């Protein structure tokens, strides 16, 4: 699998931390759904989550900071 560009996945957002948290949450969701359905994942849930964010199926929402 080709490594996706972090800048491409952030799409204008500033926080790489937010991206990591979003991918981790999506990966846990994928693993939980597979377990509940009795499915066996052929690929790691993290890779599937990264693919979802790269395809813009999910978006990172960051709170606006008002000074």
PDB file of N, CA and C in Angstrom:
ATOM      1  N   UNK A   1       0.844  -1.186   0.000  1.00  0.00           N
ATOM      2  CA  UNK A   1       0.000   0.000   0.000  1.00  0.00           C
ATOM      3  C   UNK A   1       0.882   1.239   0.000  1.00  0.00           C
ATOM      4  N   UNK A   2       0.577   2.172  -0.871  1.00  0.00           N
ATOM      5  CA  UNK A   2       1.321   3.408  -0.936  1.00  0.00           C
ATOM      6  C   UNK A   2       0.938   4.287   0.247  1.00  0.00           C
ATOM      7  N   UNK A   3       1.933   4.907   0.874  1.00  0.00           N
ATOM      8  CA  UNK A   3       1.659   5.758   2.029  1.00  0.00           C
ATOM      9  C   UNK A   3       0.976   7.045   1.570  1.00  0.00           C
ATOM     10  N   UNK A   4      -0.159   7.373   2.178  1.00  0.00           N
ATOM     11  CA  UNK A   4      -0.846   8.608   1.791  1.00  0.00           C
ATOM     12  C   UNK A   4      -0.135   9.829   2.367  1.00  0.00           C
ATOM     13  N   UNK A   5      -0.261  10.938   1.692  1.00  0.00           N
ATOM     14  CA  UNK A   5       0.320  12.188   2.158  1.00  0.00           C
ATOM     15  C   UNK A   5      -0.505  12.734   3.325  1.00  0.00           C
ATOM     16  N   UNK A   6       0.171  13.060   4.414  1.00  0.00           N
ATOM     17  CA  UNK A   6      -0.529  13.617   5.578  1.00  0.00           C
ATOM     18  C   UNK A   6      -1.174  14.944   5.214  1.00  0.00           C
ATOM     19  N   UNK A   7      -0.451  15.768   4.443  1.00  0.00           N
ATOM     20  CA  UNK A   7      -0.995  17.071   4.049  1.00  0.00           C
ATOM     21  C   UNK A   7      -2.268  16.904   3.227  1.00  0.00           C
ATOM     22  N   UNK A   8      -2.297  15.880   2.360  1.00  0.00           N
ATOM     23  CA  UNK A   8      -3.482  15.615   1.548  1.00  0.00           C
ATOM     24  C   UNK A   8      -4.653  15.204   2.433  1.00  0.00           C
ATOM     25  N   UNK A   9      -4.387  14.403   3.448  1.00  0.00           N
ATOM     26  CA  UNK A   9      -5.454  13.934   4.329  1.00  0.00           C
ATOM     27  C   UNK A   9      -5.965  15.039   5.245  1.00  0.00           C
ATOM     28  N   UNK A  10      -5.087  15.973   5.609  1.00  0.00           N
ATOM     29  CA  UNK A  10      -5.511  17.069   6.479  1.00  0.00           C
ATOM     30  C   UNK A  10      -6.379  18.065   5.728  1.00  0.00           C
ATOM     31  N   UNK A  11      -6.183  18.194   4.447  1.00  0.00           N
ATOM     32  CA  UNK A  11      -6.928  19.091   3.571  1.00  0.00           C
ATOM     33  C   UNK A  11      -7.202  20.455   4.206  1.00  0.00           C
ATOM     34  N   UNK A  12      -6.105  21.150   4.544  1.00  0.00           N
ATOM     35  CA  UNK A  12      -6.234  22.504   5.060  1.00  0.00           C
ATOM     36  C   UNK A  12      -6.329  22.620   6.563  1.00  0.00           C
ATOM     37  N   UNK A  13      -6.495  21.527   7.268  1.00  0.00           N
ATOM     38  CA  UNK A  13      -6.550  21.582   8.729  1.00  0.00           C
ATOM     39  C   UNK A  13      -5.135  21.768   9.265  1.00  0.00           C
ATOM     40  N   UNK A  14      -5.021  22.185  10.501  1.00  0.00           N
ATOM     41  CA  UNK A  14      -3.709  22.476  11.058  1.00  0.00           C
ATOM     42  C   UNK A  14      -3.179  21.384  11.979  1.00  0.00           C
ATOM     43  N   UNK A  15      -4.034  20.597  12.555  1.00  0.00           N
ATOM     44  CA  UNK A  15      -3.626  19.690  13.612  1.00  0.00           C
ATOM     45  C   UNK A  15      -3.433  18.256  13.128  1.00  0.00           C
ATOM     46  N   UNK A  16      -2.183  17.806  13.144  1.00  0.00           N
ATOM     47  CA  UNK A  16      -1.907  16.410  12.826  1.00  0.00           C
ATOM     48  C   UNK A  16      -2.430  15.517  13.955  1.00  0.00           C
ATOM     49  N   UNK A  17      -2.430  16.045  15.172  1.00  0.00           N
ATOM     50  CA  UNK A  17      -2.958  15.315  16.320  1.00  0.00           C
ATOM     51  C   UNK A  17      -4.428  14.969  16.097  1.00  0.00           C
ATOM     52  N   UNK A  18      -5.201  15.907  15.589  1.00  0.00           N
ATOM     53  CA  UNK A  18      -6.621  15.670  15.320  1.00  0.00           C
ATOM     54  C   UNK A  18      -6.792  14.564  14.278  1.00  0.00           C
ATOM     55  N   UNK A  19      -5.925  14.532  13.286  1.00  0.00           N
ATOM     56  CA  UNK A  19      -5.979  13.484  12.269  1.00  0.00           C
ATOM     57  C   UNK A  19      -5.694  12.120  12.890  1.00  0.00           C
ATOM     58  N   UNK A  20      -4.683  12.046  13.741  1.00  0.00           N
ATOM     59  CA  UNK A  20      -4.328  10.780  14.401  1.00  0.00           C
ATOM     60  C   UNK A  20      -5.488  10.285  15.254  1.00  0.00           C
ATOM     61  N   UNK A  21      -6.104  11.172  16.010  1.00  0.00           N
ATOM     62  CA  UNK A  21      -7.229  10.797  16.861  1.00  0.00           C
ATOM     63  C   UNK A  21      -8.409  10.345  16.004  1.00  0.00           C
ATOM     64  N   UNK A  22      -8.680  11.053  14.929  1.00  0.00           N
ATOM     65  CA  UNK A  22      -9.783  10.688  14.033  1.00  0.00           C
ATOM     66  C   UNK A  22      -9.576   9.325  13.391  1.00  0.00           C
ATOM     67  N   UNK A  23      -8.368   9.060  12.927  1.00  0.00           N
ATOM     68  CA  UNK A  23      -8.068   7.765  12.308  1.00  0.00           C
ATOM     69  C   UNK A  23      -8.188   6.650  13.344  1.00  0.00           C
ATOM     70  N   UNK A  24      -7.692   6.886  14.552  1.00  0.00           N
ATOM     71  CA  UNK A  24      -7.768   5.869  15.605  1.00  0.00           C
ATOM     72  C   UNK A  24      -9.221   5.550  15.961  1.00  0.00           C
ATOM     73  N   UNK A  25     -10.043   6.580  16.080  1.00  0.00           N
ATOM     74  CA  UNK A  25     -11.464   6.358  16.388  1.00  0.00           C
ATOM     75  C   UNK A  25     -12.157   5.593  15.273  1.00  0.00           C
ATOM     76  N   UNK A  26     -11.867   5.953  14.023  1.00  0.00           N
ATOM     77  CA  UNK A  26     -12.474   5.254  12.891  1.00  0.00           C
ATOM     78  C   UNK A  26     -11.995   3.803  12.830  1.00  0.00           C
ATOM     79  N   UNK A  27     -10.721   3.560  13.128  1.00  0.00           N
ATOM     80  CA  UNK A  27     -10.182   2.203  13.115  1.00  0.00           C
ATOM     81  C   UNK A  27     -10.864   1.339  14.174  1.00  0.00           C
ATOM     82  N   UNK A  28     -11.083   1.897  15.361  1.00  0.00           N
ATOM     83  CA  UNK A  28     -11.794   1.148  16.415  1.00  0.00           C
ATOM     84  C   UNK A  28     -13.230   0.858  15.989  1.00  0.00           C
ATOM     85  N   UNK A  29     -13.866   1.811  15.331  1.00  0.00           N
ATOM     86  CA  UNK A  29     -15.229   1.623  14.843  1.00  0.00           C
ATOM     87  C   UNK A  29     -15.286   0.492  13.804  1.00  0.00           C
ATOM     88  N   UNK A  30     -14.326   0.477  12.897  1.00  0.00           N
ATOM     89  CA  UNK A  30     -14.263  -0.573  11.873  1.00  0.00           C
ATOM     90  C   UNK A  30     -14.074  -1.933  12.522  1.00  0.00           C
ATOM     91  N   UNK A  31     -13.153  -2.026  13.486  1.00  0.00           N
ATOM     92  CA  UNK A  31     -12.883  -3.296  14.167  1.00  0.00           C
ATOM     93  C   UNK A  31     -14.108  -3.774  14.948  1.00  0.00           C
ATOM     94  N   UNK A  32     -14.794  -2.843  15.611  1.00  0.00           N
ATOM     95  CA  UNK A  32     -15.990  -3.188  16.386  1.00  0.00           C
ATOM     96  C   UNK A  32     -17.103  -3.703  15.479  1.00  0.00           C
ATOM     97  N   UNK A  33     -17.315  -3.023  14.353  1.00  0.00           N
ATOM     98  CA  UNK A  33     -18.344  -3.447  13.393  1.00  0.00           C
ATOM     99  C   UNK A  33     -18.039  -4.827  12.827  1.00  0.00           C
ATOM    100  N   UNK A  34     -16.776  -5.079  12.514  1.00  0.00           N
ATOM    101  CA  UNK A  34     -16.386  -6.382  11.974  1.00  0.00           C
ATOM    102  C   UNK A  34     -16.609  -7.481  13.005  1.00  0.00           C
ATOM    103  N   UNK A  35     -16.276  -7.184  14.256  1.00  0.00           N
ATOM    104  CA  UNK A  35     -16.473  -8.173  15.321  1.00  0.00           C
ATOM    105  C   UNK A  35     -17.952  -8.462  15.540  1.00  0.00           C
ATOM    106  N   UNK A  36     -18.778  -7.435  15.549  1.00  0.00           N
ATOM    107  CA  UNK A  36     -20.214  -7.613  15.754  1.00  0.00           C
ATOM    108  C   UNK A  36     -20.858  -8.399  14.617  1.00  0.00           C
ATOM    109  N   UNK A  37     -20.348  -8.206  13.395  1.00  0.00           N
ATOM    110  CA  UNK A  37     -20.898  -8.900  12.230  1.00  0.00           C
ATOM    111  C   UNK A  37     -20.262 -10.262  12.006  1.00  0.00           C
ATOM    112  N   UNK A  38     -19.252 -10.590  12.791  1.00  0.00           N
ATOM    113  CA  UNK A  38     -18.558 -11.858  12.634  1.00  0.00           C
ATOM    114  C   UNK A  38     -17.665 -11.896  11.411  1.00  0.00           C
ATOM    115  N   UNK A  39     -17.284 -10.717  10.915  1.00  0.00           N
ATOM    116  CA  UNK A  39     -16.429 -10.623   9.738  1.00  0.00           C
ATOM    117  C   UNK A  39     -14.961 -10.727  10.132  1.00  0.00           C
ATOM    118  N   UNK A  40     -14.154 -11.230   9.216  1.00  0.00           N
ATOM    119  CA  UNK A  40     -12.710 -11.288   9.410  1.00  0.00           C
ATOM    120  C   UNK A  40     -12.095 -10.254   8.475  1.00  0.00           C
ATOM    121  N   UNK A  41     -11.372  -9.300   9.045  1.00  0.00           N
ATOM    122  CA  UNK A  41     -10.752  -8.254   8.231  1.00  0.00           C
ATOM    123  C   UNK A  41      -9.498  -8.795   7.564  1.00  0.00           C
ATOM    124  N   UNK A  42      -9.390  -8.598   6.271  1.00  0.00           N
ATOM    125  CA  UNK A  42      -8.212  -9.030   5.532  1.00  0.00           C
ATOM    126  C   UNK A  42      -7.101  -7.984   5.593  1.00  0.00           C
ATOM    127  N   UNK A  43      -7.469  -6.782   5.994  1.00  0.00           N
ATOM    128  CA  UNK A  43      -6.525  -5.678   6.100  1.00  0.00           C
ATOM    129  C   UNK A  43      -6.682  -5.054   7.479  1.00  0.00           C
ATOM    130  N   UNK A  44      -5.636  -4.448   7.987  1.00  0.00           N
ATOM    131  CA  UNK A  44      -5.688  -3.828   9.310  1.00  0.00           C
ATOM    132  C   UNK A  44      -6.706  -2.694   9.306  1.00  0.00           C
ATOM    133  N   UNK A  45      -7.394  -2.562  10.440  1.00  0.00           N
ATOM    134  CA  UNK A  45      -8.431  -1.533  10.550  1.00  0.00           C
ATOM    135  C   UNK A  45      -7.852  -0.125  10.394  1.00  0.00           C
ATOM    136  N   UNK A  46      -6.620   0.083  10.815  1.00  0.00           N
ATOM    137  CA  UNK A  46      -5.990   1.398  10.672  1.00  0.00           C
ATOM    138  C   UNK A  46      -5.816   1.739   9.193  1.00  0.00           C
ATOM    139  N   UNK A  47      -5.391   0.762   8.407  1.00  0.00           N
ATOM    140  CA  UNK A  47      -5.242   1.009   6.964  1.00  0.00           C
ATOM    141  C   UNK A  47      -6.581   1.337   6.322  1.00  0.00           C
ATOM    142  N   UNK A  48      -7.633   0.653   6.744  1.00  0.00           N
ATOM    143  CA  UNK A  48      -8.966   0.937   6.213  1.00  0.00           C
ATOM    144  C   UNK A  48      -9.425   2.332   6.625  1.00  0.00           C
ATOM    145  N   UNK A  49      -9.129   2.728   7.861  1.00  0.00           N
ATOM    146  CA  UNK A  49      -9.504   4.055   8.343  1.00  0.00           C
ATOM    147  C   UNK A  49      -8.752   5.139   7.579  1.00  0.00           C
ATOM    148  N   UNK A  50      -7.466   4.924   7.343  1.00  0.00           N
ATOM    149  CA  UNK A  50      -6.678   5.896   6.578  1.00  0.00           C
ATOM    150  C   UNK A  50      -7.251   6.046   5.180  1.00  0.00           C
ATOM    151  N   UNK A  51      -7.636   4.950   4.579  1.00  0.00           N
ATOM    152  CA  UNK A  51      -8.231   4.984   3.233  1.00  0.00           C
ATOM    153  C   UNK A  51      -9.535   5.791   3.252  1.00  0.00           C
ATOM    154  N   UNK A  52     -10.348   5.626   4.303  1.00  0.00           N
ATOM    155  CA  UNK A  52     -11.597   6.388   4.417  1.00  0.00           C
ATOM    156  C   UNK A  52     -11.324   7.893   4.473  1.00  0.00           C
ATOM    157  N   UNK A  53     -10.326   8.296   5.265  1.00  0.00           N
ATOM    158  CA  UNK A  53     -10.008   9.722   5.370  1.00  0.00           C
ATOM    159  C   UNK A  53      -9.393  10.247   4.073  1.00  0.00           C
ATOM    160  N   UNK A  54      -8.569   9.448   3.434  1.00  0.00           N
ATOM    161  CA  UNK A  54      -7.959   9.875   2.176  1.00  0.00           C
ATOM    162  C   UNK A  54      -9.021  10.064   1.099  1.00  0.00           C
ATOM    163  N   UNK A  55     -10.062   9.218   1.116  1.00  0.00           N
ATOM    164  CA  UNK A  55     -11.156   9.324   0.144  1.00  0.00           C
ATOM    165  C   UNK A  55     -12.181  10.377   0.558  1.00  0.00           C
ATOM    166  N   UNK A  56     -11.914  11.072   1.647  1.00  0.00           N
ATOM    167  CA  UNK A  56     -12.791  12.129   2.167  1.00  0.00           C
ATOM    168  C   UNK A  56     -14.184  11.618   2.530  1.00  0.00           C
ATOM    169  N   UNK A  57     -14.264  10.359   2.974  1.00  0.00           N
ATOM    170  CA  UNK A  57     -15.534   9.821   3.464  1.00  0.00           C
ATOM    171  C   UNK A  57     -15.828  10.372   4.858  1.00  0.00           C
ATOM    172  N   UNK A  58     -14.774  10.766   5.562  1.00  0.00           N
ATOM    173  CA  UNK A  58     -14.882  11.354   6.890  1.00  0.00           C
ATOM    174  C   UNK A  58     -14.054  12.619   6.914  1.00  0.00           C
ATOM    175  N   UNK A  59     -14.448  13.542   7.769  1.00  0.00           N
ATOM    176  CA  UNK A  59     -13.762  14.821   7.845  1.00  0.00           C
ATOM    177  C   UNK A  59     -13.399  15.123   9.287  1.00  0.00           C
ATOM    178  N   UNK A  60     -12.246  15.723   9.482  1.00  0.00           N
ATOM    179  CA  UNK A  60     -11.806  16.138  10.806  1.00  0.00           C
ATOM    180  C   UNK A  60     -12.429  17.503  11.096  1.00  0.00           C
ATOM    181  N   UNK A  61     -13.172  17.575  12.177  1.00  0.00           N
ATOM    182  CA  UNK A  61     -13.758  18.850  12.582  1.00  0.00           C
ATOM    183  C   UNK A  61     -12.991  19.372  13.786  1.00  0.00           C
ATOM    184  N   UNK A  62     -12.442  20.558  13.647  1.00  0.00           N
ATOM    185  CA  UNK A  62     -11.706  21.180  14.736  1.00  0.00           C
ATOM    186  C   UNK A  62     -12.499  22.382  15.230  1.00  0.00           C
ATOM    187  N   UNK A  63     -12.510  22.590  16.535  1.00  0.00           N
ATOM    188  CA  UNK A  63     -13.233  23.753  17.052  1.00  0.00           C
ATOM    189  C   UNK A  63     -12.557  25.055  16.623  1.00  0.00           C
ATOM    190  N   UNK A  64     -13.359  26.053  16.381  1.00  0.00           N
ATOM    191  CA  UNK A  64     -12.807  27.356  16.038  1.00  0.00           C
ATOM    192  C   UNK A  64     -12.379  28.042  17.316  1.00  0.00           C
ATOM    193  N   UNK A  65     -11.205  28.617  17.282  1.00  0.00           N
ATOM    194  CA  UNK A  65     -10.659  29.310  18.447  1.00  0.00           C
ATOM    195  C   UNK A  65     -10.903  30.792  18.272  1.00  0.00           C
ATOM    196  N   UNK A  66     -11.638  31.371  19.180  1.00  0.00           N
ATOM    197  CA  UNK A  66     -11.920  32.799  19.139  1.00  0.00           C
ATOM    198  C   UNK A  66     -11.034  33.498  20.158  1.00  0.00           C
ATOM    199  N   UNK A  67     -10.213  34.426  19.679  1.00  0.00           N
ATOM    200  CA  UNK A  67      -9.317  35.159  20.586  1.00  0.00           C
ATOM    201  C   UNK A  67     -10.033  36.283  21.254  1.00  0.00           C
TER     202      UNK A  67
END
